[in-house]
Amino acid sequence: MNVLEDAKGGPVTTDGRHFTTERNHPEMYLLLPVAVPLDIATSPFQLFYMLTFKDCRNAY
């Protein structure tokens, strides 16, 4: 899908119905049981990073 099709709402069939050309990826749901505990385990480090470098975020 290009930018113009995306702005128009995606590809359209001859009768005007929208459809998607992307496939579903159900295998990505297999990563969910790993991703959630890792996110919880790394949250203290993320908090430390955010508090340490909070002045640097608005520097640009």
N, C-alpha and C. Protein backbone atom coordinates (compact mmCIF):
# COMPACT_ATOMS: atom_id res chain seq x y z
N MET A 1 0.84 -1.16 0.00
CA MET A 1 0.00 0.00 0.00
C MET A 1 0.90 1.24 0.00
N ASN A 2 0.59 2.17 -0.87
CA ASN A 2 1.39 3.39 -0.90
C ASN A 2 0.70 4.47 -0.07
N VAL A 3 1.32 5.63 0.03
CA VAL A 3 0.83 6.71 0.88
C VAL A 3 -0.51 7.23 0.40
N LEU A 4 -0.69 7.34 -0.90
CA LEU A 4 -1.94 7.85 -1.44
C LEU A 4 -3.10 6.90 -1.14
N GLU A 5 -2.88 5.59 -1.31
CA GLU A 5 -3.93 4.62 -0.98
C GLU A 5 -4.24 4.65 0.51
N ASP A 6 -3.21 4.83 1.32
CA ASP A 6 -3.41 4.90 2.76
C ASP A 6 -4.23 6.13 3.14
N ALA A 7 -3.99 7.26 2.50
CA ALA A 7 -4.75 8.47 2.77
C ALA A 7 -6.20 8.33 2.33
N LYS A 8 -6.43 7.59 1.27
CA LYS A 8 -7.79 7.39 0.79
C LYS A 8 -8.52 6.30 1.56
N GLY A 9 -7.81 5.58 2.42
CA GLY A 9 -8.44 4.52 3.19
C GLY A 9 -8.06 3.14 2.71
N GLY A 10 -7.05 3.01 1.91
CA GLY A 10 -6.60 1.71 1.46
C GLY A 10 -7.15 1.36 0.09
N PRO A 11 -6.75 0.21 -0.44
CA PRO A 11 -7.20 -0.22 -1.76
C PRO A 11 -8.71 -0.49 -1.78
N VAL A 12 -9.32 -0.23 -2.91
CA VAL A 12 -10.76 -0.38 -3.07
C VAL A 12 -11.04 -1.30 -4.24
N THR A 13 -12.04 -2.18 -4.09
CA THR A 13 -12.45 -3.06 -5.18
C THR A 13 -13.27 -2.26 -6.20
N THR A 14 -13.64 -2.90 -7.29
CA THR A 14 -14.40 -2.21 -8.34
C THR A 14 -15.78 -1.76 -7.87
N ASP A 15 -16.33 -2.46 -6.85
CA ASP A 15 -17.64 -2.04 -6.35
C ASP A 15 -17.54 -1.08 -5.16
N GLY A 16 -16.33 -0.60 -4.84
CA GLY A 16 -16.16 0.44 -3.83
C GLY A 16 -15.89 -0.04 -2.43
N ARG A 17 -15.77 -1.35 -2.23
CA ARG A 17 -15.48 -1.86 -0.89
C ARG A 17 -13.98 -1.84 -0.62
N HIS A 18 -13.62 -1.52 0.61
CA HIS A 18 -12.21 -1.50 1.01
C HIS A 18 -11.75 -2.90 1.39
N PHE A 19 -10.50 -3.20 1.11
CA PHE A 19 -9.91 -4.47 1.54
C PHE A 19 -8.46 -4.23 1.89
N THR A 20 -7.89 -5.13 2.66
CA THR A 20 -6.50 -5.01 3.04
C THR A 20 -5.66 -6.04 2.31
N THR A 21 -4.44 -5.67 2.04
CA THR A 21 -3.53 -6.59 1.36
C THR A 21 -2.56 -7.23 2.34
N GLU A 22 -2.63 -6.82 3.62
CA GLU A 22 -1.70 -7.35 4.61
C GLU A 22 -2.27 -8.64 5.21
N ARG A 23 -1.35 -9.58 5.49
CA ARG A 23 -1.76 -10.83 6.11
C ARG A 23 -1.77 -10.66 7.63
N ASN A 24 -2.60 -11.44 8.28
CA ASN A 24 -2.55 -11.50 9.73
C ASN A 24 -1.34 -12.33 10.13
N HIS A 25 -0.78 -12.01 11.28
CA HIS A 25 0.39 -12.73 11.79
C HIS A 25 0.06 -13.29 13.17
N PRO A 26 -0.68 -14.39 13.24
CA PRO A 26 -1.04 -14.94 14.55
C PRO A 26 0.15 -15.43 15.35
N GLU A 27 1.26 -15.70 14.69
CA GLU A 27 2.43 -16.18 15.43
C GLU A 27 3.01 -15.10 16.33
N MET A 28 2.66 -13.84 16.10
CA MET A 28 3.14 -12.77 16.95
C MET A 28 2.53 -12.87 18.35
N TYR A 29 1.36 -13.49 18.47
CA TYR A 29 0.74 -13.66 19.78
C TYR A 29 1.53 -14.64 20.65
N LEU A 30 2.38 -15.44 20.05
CA LEU A 30 3.21 -16.35 20.83
C LEU A 30 4.24 -15.59 21.66
N LEU A 31 4.59 -14.39 21.25
CA LEU A 31 5.56 -13.58 21.98
C LEU A 31 4.95 -12.87 23.18
N LEU A 32 3.64 -12.79 23.25
CA LEU A 32 2.98 -12.06 24.33
C LEU A 32 3.30 -12.60 25.72
N PRO A 33 3.31 -13.92 25.96
CA PRO A 33 3.66 -14.40 27.30
C PRO A 33 5.10 -14.08 27.71
N VAL A 34 5.95 -13.80 26.76
CA VAL A 34 7.34 -13.44 27.07
C VAL A 34 7.46 -11.93 27.21
N ALA A 35 6.77 -11.18 26.38
CA ALA A 35 6.91 -9.73 26.35
C ALA A 35 6.38 -9.07 27.62
N VAL A 36 5.25 -9.53 28.12
CA VAL A 36 4.65 -8.89 29.29
C VAL A 36 5.53 -9.05 30.53
N PRO A 37 6.01 -10.25 30.88
CA PRO A 37 6.89 -10.35 32.06
C PRO A 37 8.20 -9.58 31.88
N LEU A 38 8.74 -9.54 30.67
CA LEU A 38 9.96 -8.77 30.46
C LEU A 38 9.72 -7.28 30.63
N ASP A 39 8.57 -6.81 30.20
CA ASP A 39 8.25 -5.40 30.37
C ASP A 39 8.11 -5.08 31.86
N ILE A 40 7.47 -5.95 32.60
CA ILE A 40 7.32 -5.73 34.04
C ILE A 40 8.67 -5.79 34.74
N ALA A 41 9.52 -6.73 34.34
CA ALA A 41 10.83 -6.89 34.98
C ALA A 41 11.75 -5.71 34.71
N THR A 42 11.63 -5.09 33.54
CA THR A 42 12.52 -3.98 33.21
C THR A 42 11.95 -2.62 33.58
N SER A 43 10.74 -2.57 34.13
CA SER A 43 10.14 -1.28 34.45
C SER A 43 10.93 -0.47 35.48
N PRO A 44 11.57 -1.07 36.51
CA PRO A 44 12.38 -0.24 37.41
C PRO A 44 13.55 0.44 36.69
N PHE A 45 14.14 -0.25 35.74
CA PHE A 45 15.24 0.35 34.98
C PHE A 45 14.74 1.48 34.09
N GLN A 46 13.56 1.28 33.51
CA GLN A 46 12.97 2.33 32.68
C GLN A 46 12.64 3.56 33.52
N LEU A 47 12.13 3.36 34.72
CA LEU A 47 11.83 4.47 35.61
C LEU A 47 13.10 5.22 36.00
N PHE A 48 14.15 4.48 36.34
CA PHE A 48 15.43 5.11 36.67
C PHE A 48 15.95 5.94 35.50
N TYR A 49 15.87 5.39 34.30
CA TYR A 49 16.34 6.10 33.10
C TYR A 49 15.53 7.37 32.88
N MET A 50 14.21 7.28 33.02
CA MET A 50 13.36 8.45 32.80
C MET A 50 13.63 9.53 33.83
N LEU A 51 13.82 9.15 35.08
CA LEU A 51 14.08 10.15 36.12
C LEU A 51 15.47 10.75 36.00
N THR A 52 16.42 9.95 35.55
CA THR A 52 17.80 10.44 35.42
C THR A 52 17.94 11.39 34.25
N PHE A 53 17.32 11.08 33.13
CA PHE A 53 17.51 11.87 31.92
C PHE A 53 16.28 12.70 31.56
N LYS A 54 15.46 13.08 32.55
CA LYS A 54 14.24 13.82 32.23
C LYS A 54 14.56 15.22 31.70
N ASP A 55 15.69 15.81 32.08
CA ASP A 55 16.05 17.13 31.57
C ASP A 55 16.52 17.07 30.12
N CYS A 56 17.01 15.93 29.69
CA CYS A 56 17.54 15.80 28.32
C CYS A 56 16.43 15.64 27.28
N ARG A 57 15.25 15.22 27.70
CA ARG A 57 14.18 14.95 26.74
C ARG A 57 13.68 16.21 26.04
N ASN A 58 13.67 17.34 26.73
CA ASN A 58 13.16 18.58 26.14
C ASN A 58 14.27 19.48 25.64
N ALA A 59 15.43 18.93 25.42
CA ALA A 59 16.58 19.74 25.02
C ALA A 59 16.53 20.13 23.54
N TYR A 60 15.73 19.45 22.73
CA TYR A 60 15.72 19.73 21.30
C TYR A 60 14.66 20.71 20.93
